[in-house]
């Protein structure tokens, strides 16, 4: 198990990785939600297919967290 701070650092690194690919803020909230659903499905499939330590599913969860963070950045008001 890791600390909350370490988990937030993982999300931060994943968020920075996403920015390298596409961070124009052009995704609609609906597109963000569809992406979240896609990666939840990916995490579920990897979790079902893996044993311990379920690394693949946890990688997908990092993506989910970072996409959710991006959605908040792009669509929330001050």
PDB file of N, CA and C in Angstrom:
ATOM      1  N   UNK A   1       0.854  -1.175   0.000  1.00  0.00           N
ATOM      2  CA  UNK A   1       0.000   0.000   0.000  1.00  0.00           C
ATOM      3  C   UNK A   1       0.897   1.235   0.000  1.00  0.00           C
ATOM      4  N   UNK A   2       0.418   2.279  -0.669  1.00  0.00           N
ATOM      5  CA  UNK A   2       1.162   3.540  -0.690  1.00  0.00           C
ATOM      6  C   UNK A   2       0.349   4.601   0.039  1.00  0.00           C
ATOM      7  N   UNK A   3       1.011   5.696   0.346  1.00  0.00           N
ATOM      8  CA  UNK A   3       0.334   6.789   1.040  1.00  0.00           C
ATOM      9  C   UNK A   3      -0.513   7.596   0.065  1.00  0.00           C
ATOM     10  N   UNK A   4      -1.387   8.418   0.616  1.00  0.00           N
ATOM     11  CA  UNK A   4      -2.208   9.292  -0.223  1.00  0.00           C
ATOM     12  C   UNK A   4      -1.316  10.226  -1.037  1.00  0.00           C
ATOM     13  N   UNK A   5      -0.267  10.725  -0.423  1.00  0.00           N
ATOM     14  CA  UNK A   5       0.651  11.622  -1.131  1.00  0.00           C
ATOM     15  C   UNK A   5       1.305  10.917  -2.320  1.00  0.00           C
ATOM     16  N   UNK A   6       1.726   9.670  -2.116  1.00  0.00           N
ATOM     17  CA  UNK A   6       2.336   8.912  -3.207  1.00  0.00           C
ATOM     18  C   UNK A   6       1.323   8.650  -4.320  1.00  0.00           C
ATOM     19  N   UNK A   7       0.073   8.382  -3.956  1.00  0.00           N
ATOM     20  CA  UNK A   7      -0.973   8.169  -4.956  1.00  0.00           C
ATOM     21  C   UNK A   7      -1.203   9.442  -5.772  1.00  0.00           C
ATOM     22  N   UNK A   8      -1.218  10.582  -5.099  1.00  0.00           N
ATOM     23  CA  UNK A   8      -1.387  11.853  -5.806  1.00  0.00           C
ATOM     24  C   UNK A   8      -0.210  12.125  -6.737  1.00  0.00           C
ATOM     25  N   UNK A   9       0.984  11.733  -6.327  1.00  0.00           N
ATOM     26  CA  UNK A   9       2.150  11.892  -7.186  1.00  0.00           C
ATOM     27  C   UNK A   9       2.034  11.018  -8.437  1.00  0.00           C
ATOM     28  N   UNK A  10       1.518   9.796  -8.278  1.00  0.00           N
ATOM     29  CA  UNK A  10       1.282   8.936  -9.442  1.00  0.00           C
ATOM     30  C   UNK A  10       0.308   9.594 -10.413  1.00  0.00           C
ATOM     31  N   UNK A  11      -0.780  10.164  -9.873  1.00  0.00           N
ATOM     32  CA  UNK A  11      -1.752  10.844 -10.736  1.00  0.00           C
ATOM     33  C   UNK A  11      -1.121  12.039 -11.433  1.00  0.00           C
ATOM     34  N   UNK A  12      -0.295  12.767 -10.703  1.00  0.00           N
ATOM     35  CA  UNK A  12       0.380  13.923 -11.286  1.00  0.00           C
ATOM     36  C   UNK A  12       1.294  13.526 -12.436  1.00  0.00           C
ATOM     37  N   UNK A  13       2.031  12.434 -12.266  1.00  0.00           N
ATOM     38  CA  UNK A  13       2.910  11.967 -13.344  1.00  0.00           C
ATOM     39  C   UNK A  13       2.097  11.503 -14.550  1.00  0.00           C
ATOM     40  N   UNK A  14       1.003  10.810 -14.301  1.00  0.00           N
ATOM     41  CA  UNK A  14       0.147  10.368 -15.406  1.00  0.00           C
ATOM     42  C   UNK A  14      -0.458  11.571 -16.118  1.00  0.00           C
ATOM     43  N   UNK A  15      -0.857  12.580 -15.363  1.00  0.00           N
ATOM     44  CA  UNK A  15      -1.434  13.795 -15.954  1.00  0.00           C
ATOM     45  C   UNK A  15      -0.407  14.488 -16.842  1.00  0.00           C
ATOM     46  N   UNK A  16       0.833  14.573 -16.379  1.00  0.00           N
ATOM     47  CA  UNK A  16       1.894  15.182 -17.181  1.00  0.00           C
ATOM     48  C   UNK A  16       2.136  14.373 -18.454  1.00  0.00           C
ATOM     49  N   UNK A  17       2.070  13.058 -18.359  1.00  0.00           N
ATOM     50  CA  UNK A  17       2.216  12.203 -19.532  1.00  0.00           C
ATOM     51  C   UNK A  17       1.102  12.479 -20.538  1.00  0.00           C
ATOM     52  N   UNK A  18      -0.112  12.662 -20.053  1.00  0.00           N
ATOM     53  CA  UNK A  18      -1.229  12.975 -20.951  1.00  0.00           C
ATOM     54  C   UNK A  18      -1.008  14.306 -21.660  1.00  0.00           C
ATOM     55  N   UNK A  19      -0.445  15.266 -20.963  1.00  0.00           N
ATOM     56  CA  UNK A  19      -0.211  16.581 -21.566  1.00  0.00           C
ATOM     57  C   UNK A  19       0.739  16.491 -22.744  1.00  0.00           C
ATOM     58  N   UNK A  20       1.664  15.526 -22.700  1.00  0.00           N
ATOM     59  CA  UNK A  20       2.608  15.364 -23.816  1.00  0.00           C
ATOM     60  C   UNK A  20       1.876  14.959 -25.088  1.00  0.00           C
ATOM     61  N   UNK A  21       0.771  14.247 -24.951  1.00  0.00           N
ATOM     62  CA  UNK A  21       0.061  13.720 -26.117  1.00  0.00           C
ATOM     63  C   UNK A  21      -0.971  14.688 -26.649  1.00  0.00           C
ATOM     64  N   UNK A  22      -1.815  15.215 -25.768  1.00  0.00           N
ATOM     65  CA  UNK A  22      -2.871  16.108 -26.243  1.00  0.00           C
ATOM     66  C   UNK A  22      -3.491  16.800 -25.046  1.00  0.00           C
ATOM     67  N   UNK A  23      -3.262  18.074 -24.938  1.00  0.00           N
ATOM     68  CA  UNK A  23      -3.831  18.807 -23.813  1.00  0.00           C
ATOM     69  C   UNK A  23      -4.319  20.171 -24.283  1.00  0.00           C
ATOM     70  N   UNK A  24      -5.076  20.175 -25.349  1.00  0.00           N
ATOM     71  CA  UNK A  24      -5.566  21.427 -25.900  1.00  0.00           C
ATOM     72  C   UNK A  24      -6.855  21.881 -25.224  1.00  0.00           C
ATOM     73  N   UNK A  25      -7.392  21.040 -24.354  1.00  0.00           N
ATOM     74  CA  UNK A  25      -8.627  21.396 -23.693  1.00  0.00           C
ATOM     75  C   UNK A  25      -9.827  21.372 -24.608  1.00  0.00           C
ATOM     76  N   UNK A  26      -9.717  20.642 -25.714  1.00  0.00           N
ATOM     77  CA  UNK A  26     -10.782  20.637 -26.700  1.00  0.00           C
ATOM     78  C   UNK A  26     -11.813  19.537 -26.471  1.00  0.00           C
ATOM     79  N   UNK A  27     -11.587  18.651 -25.513  1.00  0.00           N
ATOM     80  CA  UNK A  27     -12.538  17.583 -25.271  1.00  0.00           C
ATOM     81  C   UNK A  27     -13.765  18.150 -24.555  1.00  0.00           C
ATOM     82  N   UNK A  28     -14.921  17.733 -25.020  1.00  0.00           N
ATOM     83  CA  UNK A  28     -16.138  18.113 -24.316  1.00  0.00           C
ATOM     84  C   UNK A  28     -16.234  17.277 -23.048  1.00  0.00           C
ATOM     85  N   UNK A  29     -17.089  17.683 -22.142  1.00  0.00           N
ATOM     86  CA  UNK A  29     -17.288  16.894 -20.934  1.00  0.00           C
ATOM     87  C   UNK A  29     -17.794  15.503 -21.303  1.00  0.00           C
ATOM     88  N   UNK A  30     -18.657  15.425 -22.303  1.00  0.00           N
ATOM     89  CA  UNK A  30     -19.150  14.126 -22.748  1.00  0.00           C
ATOM     90  C   UNK A  30     -18.025  13.221 -23.234  1.00  0.00           C
ATOM     91  N   UNK A  31     -17.067  13.798 -23.975  1.00  0.00           N
ATOM     92  CA  UNK A  31     -15.921  13.007 -24.443  1.00  0.00           C
ATOM     93  C   UNK A  31     -15.069  12.531 -23.274  1.00  0.00           C
ATOM     94  N   UNK A  32     -14.907  13.384 -22.286  1.00  0.00           N
ATOM     95  CA  UNK A  32     -14.148  12.998 -21.085  1.00  0.00           C
ATOM     96  C   UNK A  32     -14.850  11.822 -20.397  1.00  0.00           C
ATOM     97  N   UNK A  33     -16.164  11.899 -20.290  1.00  0.00           N
ATOM     98  CA  UNK A  33     -16.930  10.833 -19.636  1.00  0.00           C
ATOM     99  C   UNK A  33     -16.813   9.527 -20.428  1.00  0.00           C
ATOM    100  N   UNK A  34     -16.886   9.616 -21.750  1.00  0.00           N
ATOM    101  CA  UNK A  34     -16.720   8.414 -22.575  1.00  0.00           C
ATOM    102  C   UNK A  34     -15.339   7.797 -22.384  1.00  0.00           C
ATOM    103  N   UNK A  35     -14.300   8.635 -22.305  1.00  0.00           N
ATOM    104  CA  UNK A  35     -12.956   8.123 -22.054  1.00  0.00           C
ATOM    105  C   UNK A  35     -12.870   7.439 -20.692  1.00  0.00           C
ATOM    106  N   UNK A  36     -13.486   8.041 -19.690  1.00  0.00           N
ATOM    107  CA  UNK A  36     -13.495   7.421 -18.359  1.00  0.00           C
ATOM    108  C   UNK A  36     -14.136   6.038 -18.424  1.00  0.00           C
ATOM    109  N   UNK A  37     -15.264   5.941 -19.117  1.00  0.00           N
ATOM    110  CA  UNK A  37     -15.938   4.653 -19.246  1.00  0.00           C
ATOM    111  C   UNK A  37     -15.078   3.629 -19.968  1.00  0.00           C
ATOM    112  N   UNK A  38     -14.397   4.074 -21.008  1.00  0.00           N
ATOM    113  CA  UNK A  38     -13.517   3.176 -21.760  1.00  0.00           C
ATOM    114  C   UNK A  38     -12.426   2.603 -20.855  1.00  0.00           C
ATOM    115  N   UNK A  39     -11.787   3.468 -20.081  1.00  0.00           N
ATOM    116  CA  UNK A  39     -10.692   3.004 -19.234  1.00  0.00           C
ATOM    117  C   UNK A  39     -11.181   2.211 -18.031  1.00  0.00           C
ATOM    118  N   UNK A  40     -12.393   2.470 -17.566  1.00  0.00           N
ATOM    119  CA  UNK A  40     -12.980   1.607 -16.532  1.00  0.00           C
ATOM    120  C   UNK A  40     -13.162   0.203 -17.104  1.00  0.00           C
ATOM    121  N   UNK A  41     -13.661   0.111 -18.335  1.00  0.00           N
ATOM    122  CA  UNK A  41     -13.815  -1.192 -18.980  1.00  0.00           C
ATOM    123  C   UNK A  41     -12.462  -1.889 -19.140  1.00  0.00           C
ATOM    124  N   UNK A  42     -11.436  -1.120 -19.516  1.00  0.00           N
ATOM    125  CA  UNK A  42     -10.094  -1.690 -19.655  1.00  0.00           C
ATOM    126  C   UNK A  42      -9.575  -2.209 -18.316  1.00  0.00           C
ATOM    127  N   UNK A  43      -9.764  -1.420 -17.270  1.00  0.00           N
ATOM    128  CA  UNK A  43      -9.308  -1.835 -15.935  1.00  0.00           C
ATOM    129  C   UNK A  43     -10.033  -3.101 -15.494  1.00  0.00           C
ATOM    130  N   UNK A  44     -11.332  -3.147 -15.740  1.00  0.00           N
ATOM    131  CA  UNK A  44     -12.116  -4.327 -15.360  1.00  0.00           C
ATOM    132  C   UNK A  44     -11.623  -5.567 -16.091  1.00  0.00           C
ATOM    133  N   UNK A  45     -11.361  -5.440 -17.383  1.00  0.00           N
ATOM    134  CA  UNK A  45     -10.892  -6.577 -18.172  1.00  0.00           C
ATOM    135  C   UNK A  45      -9.523  -7.049 -17.699  1.00  0.00           C
ATOM    136  N   UNK A  46      -8.631  -6.117 -17.421  1.00  0.00           N
ATOM    137  CA  UNK A  46      -7.298  -6.499 -16.954  1.00  0.00           C
ATOM    138  C   UNK A  46      -7.358  -7.115 -15.563  1.00  0.00           C
ATOM    139  N   UNK A  47      -8.212  -6.586 -14.722  1.00  0.00           N
ATOM    140  CA  UNK A  47      -8.375  -7.128 -13.373  1.00  0.00           C
ATOM    141  C   UNK A  47      -8.879  -8.572 -13.429  1.00  0.00           C
ATOM    142  N   UNK A  48      -9.846  -8.820 -14.312  1.00  0.00           N
ATOM    143  CA  UNK A  48     -10.399 -10.169 -14.438  1.00  0.00           C
ATOM    144  C   UNK A  48      -9.364 -11.149 -14.984  1.00  0.00           C
ATOM    145  N   UNK A  49      -8.453 -10.656 -15.821  1.00  0.00           N
ATOM    146  CA  UNK A  49      -7.496 -11.532 -16.494  1.00  0.00           C
ATOM    147  C   UNK A  49      -6.214 -11.752 -15.693  1.00  0.00           C
ATOM    148  N   UNK A  50      -5.961 -10.930 -14.689  1.00  0.00           N
ATOM    149  CA  UNK A  50      -4.688 -10.967 -13.980  1.00  0.00           C
ATOM    150  C   UNK A  50      -4.822 -11.544 -12.586  1.00  0.00           C
ATOM    151  N   UNK A  51      -3.723 -12.020 -12.093  1.00  0.00           N
ATOM    152  CA  UNK A  51      -3.612 -12.352 -10.682  1.00  0.00           C
ATOM    153  C   UNK A  51      -2.909 -11.210  -9.972  1.00  0.00           C
ATOM    154  N   UNK A  52      -2.343 -11.465  -8.853  1.00  0.00           N
ATOM    155  CA  UNK A  52      -1.575 -10.450  -8.138  1.00  0.00           C
ATOM    156  C   UNK A  52      -0.346 -10.098  -8.955  1.00  0.00           C
ATOM    157  N   UNK A  53       0.156  -8.914  -8.965  1.00  0.00           N
ATOM    158  CA  UNK A  53      -0.291  -7.750  -8.217  1.00  0.00           C
ATOM    159  C   UNK A  53      -1.284  -6.861  -8.961  1.00  0.00           C
ATOM    160  N   UNK A  54      -1.870  -7.357 -10.045  1.00  0.00           N
ATOM    161  CA  UNK A  54      -2.891  -6.606 -10.785  1.00  0.00           C
ATOM    162  C   UNK A  54      -2.366  -5.275 -11.312  1.00  0.00           C
ATOM    163  N   UNK A  55      -1.121  -5.291 -11.748  1.00  0.00           N
ATOM    164  CA  UNK A  55      -0.452  -4.081 -12.188  1.00  0.00           C
ATOM    165  C   UNK A  55      -1.170  -3.410 -13.350  1.00  0.00           C
ATOM    166  N   UNK A  56      -1.621  -4.195 -14.324  1.00  0.00           N
ATOM    167  CA  UNK A  56      -2.286  -3.620 -15.494  1.00  0.00           C
ATOM    168  C   UNK A  56      -3.550  -2.870 -15.133  1.00  0.00           C
ATOM    169  N   UNK A  57      -4.340  -3.440 -14.238  1.00  0.00           N
ATOM    170  CA  UNK A  57      -5.571  -2.768 -13.802  1.00  0.00           C
ATOM    171  C   UNK A  57      -5.243  -1.471 -13.061  1.00  0.00           C
ATOM    172  N   UNK A  58      -4.198  -1.505 -12.253  1.00  0.00           N
ATOM    173  CA  UNK A  58      -3.817  -0.291 -11.514  1.00  0.00           C
ATOM    174  C   UNK A  58      -3.309   0.791 -12.454  1.00  0.00           C
ATOM    175  N   UNK A  59      -2.628   0.412 -13.540  1.00  0.00           N
ATOM    176  CA  UNK A  59      -2.196   1.405 -14.531  1.00  0.00           C
ATOM    177  C   UNK A  59      -3.404   2.084 -15.163  1.00  0.00           C
ATOM    178  N   UNK A  60      -4.444   1.308 -15.440  1.00  0.00           N
ATOM    179  CA  UNK A  60      -5.665   1.894 -16.007  1.00  0.00           C
ATOM    180  C   UNK A  60      -6.319   2.838 -15.001  1.00  0.00           C
ATOM    181  N   UNK A  61      -6.290   2.489 -13.733  1.00  0.00           N
ATOM    182  CA  UNK A  61      -6.861   3.357 -12.698  1.00  0.00           C
ATOM    183  C   UNK A  61      -6.099   4.680 -12.633  1.00  0.00           C
ATOM    184  N   UNK A  62      -4.785   4.645 -12.838  1.00  0.00           N
ATOM    185  CA  UNK A  62      -4.019   5.898 -12.899  1.00  0.00           C
ATOM    186  C   UNK A  62      -4.524   6.767 -14.042  1.00  0.00           C
ATOM    187  N   UNK A  63      -4.782   6.150 -15.198  1.00  0.00           N
ATOM    188  CA  UNK A  63      -5.306   6.903 -16.343  1.00  0.00           C
ATOM    189  C   UNK A  63      -6.668   7.497 -16.009  1.00  0.00           C
ATOM    190  N   UNK A  64      -7.519   6.709 -15.364  1.00  0.00           N
ATOM    191  CA  UNK A  64      -8.859   7.172 -14.996  1.00  0.00           C
ATOM    192  C   UNK A  64      -8.759   8.400 -14.091  1.00  0.00           C
ATOM    193  N   UNK A  65      -7.908   8.306 -13.084  1.00  0.00           N
ATOM    194  CA  UNK A  65      -7.743   9.434 -12.167  1.00  0.00           C
ATOM    195  C   UNK A  65      -7.252  10.678 -12.860  1.00  0.00           C
ATOM    196  N   UNK A  66      -6.294  10.509 -13.769  1.00  0.00           N
ATOM    197  CA  UNK A  66      -5.745  11.658 -14.474  1.00  0.00           C
ATOM    198  C   UNK A  66      -6.754  12.245 -15.461  1.00  0.00           C
ATOM    199  N   UNK A  67      -7.545  11.401 -16.106  1.00  0.00           N
ATOM    200  CA  UNK A  67      -8.586  11.908 -17.010  1.00  0.00           C
ATOM    201  C   UNK A  67      -9.638  12.672 -16.210  1.00  0.00           C
ATOM    202  N   UNK A  68     -10.005  12.150 -15.054  1.00  0.00           N
ATOM    203  CA  UNK A  68     -10.968  12.853 -14.198  1.00  0.00           C
ATOM    204  C   UNK A  68     -10.406  14.204 -13.766  1.00  0.00           C
ATOM    205  N   UNK A  69      -9.129  14.241 -13.430  1.00  0.00           N
ATOM    206  CA  UNK A  69      -8.482  15.497 -13.062  1.00  0.00           C
ATOM    207  C   UNK A  69      -8.527  16.473 -14.231  1.00  0.00           C
ATOM    208  N   UNK A  70      -8.211  15.984 -15.442  1.00  0.00           N
ATOM    209  CA  UNK A  70      -8.252  16.842 -16.621  1.00  0.00           C
ATOM    210  C   UNK A  70      -9.658  17.387 -16.860  1.00  0.00           C
ATOM    211  N   UNK A  71     -10.667  16.532 -16.670  1.00  0.00           N
ATOM    212  CA  UNK A  71     -12.049  16.982 -16.857  1.00  0.00           C
ATOM    213  C   UNK A  71     -12.377  18.114 -15.890  1.00  0.00           C
ATOM    214  N   UNK A  72     -11.927  17.969 -14.652  1.00  0.00           N
ATOM    215  CA  UNK A  72     -12.151  19.040 -13.679  1.00  0.00           C
ATOM    216  C   UNK A  72     -11.417  20.318 -14.087  1.00  0.00           C
ATOM    217  N   UNK A  73     -10.176  20.167 -14.556  1.00  0.00           N
ATOM    218  CA  UNK A  73      -9.412  21.343 -15.003  1.00  0.00           C
ATOM    219  C   UNK A  73     -10.114  22.044 -16.160  1.00  0.00           C
ATOM    220  N   UNK A  74     -10.600  21.262 -17.110  1.00  0.00           N
ATOM    221  CA  UNK A  74     -11.153  21.838 -18.339  1.00  0.00           C
ATOM    222  C   UNK A  74     -12.577  22.366 -18.205  1.00  0.00           C
ATOM    223  N   UNK A  75     -13.344  21.839 -17.264  1.00  0.00           N
ATOM    224  CA  UNK A  75     -14.765  22.147 -17.266  1.00  0.00           C
ATOM    225  C   UNK A  75     -15.295  22.762 -15.969  1.00  0.00           C
ATOM    226  N   UNK A  76     -14.452  22.910 -14.961  1.00  0.00           N
ATOM    227  CA  UNK A  76     -14.897  23.527 -13.712  1.00  0.00           C
ATOM    228  C   UNK A  76     -14.637  25.027 -13.751  1.00  0.00           C
ATOM    229  N   UNK A  77     -15.433  25.737 -13.015  1.00  0.00           N
ATOM    230  CA  UNK A  77     -15.237  27.187 -12.908  1.00  0.00           C
ATOM    231  C   UNK A  77     -14.764  27.510 -11.501  1.00  0.00           C
ATOM    232  N   UNK A  78     -13.808  28.440 -11.446  1.00  0.00           N
ATOM    233  CA  UNK A  78     -13.152  28.910 -10.260  1.00  0.00           C
ATOM    234  C   UNK A  78     -13.784  28.617  -9.001  1.00  0.00           C
TER     235      UNK A  78
END
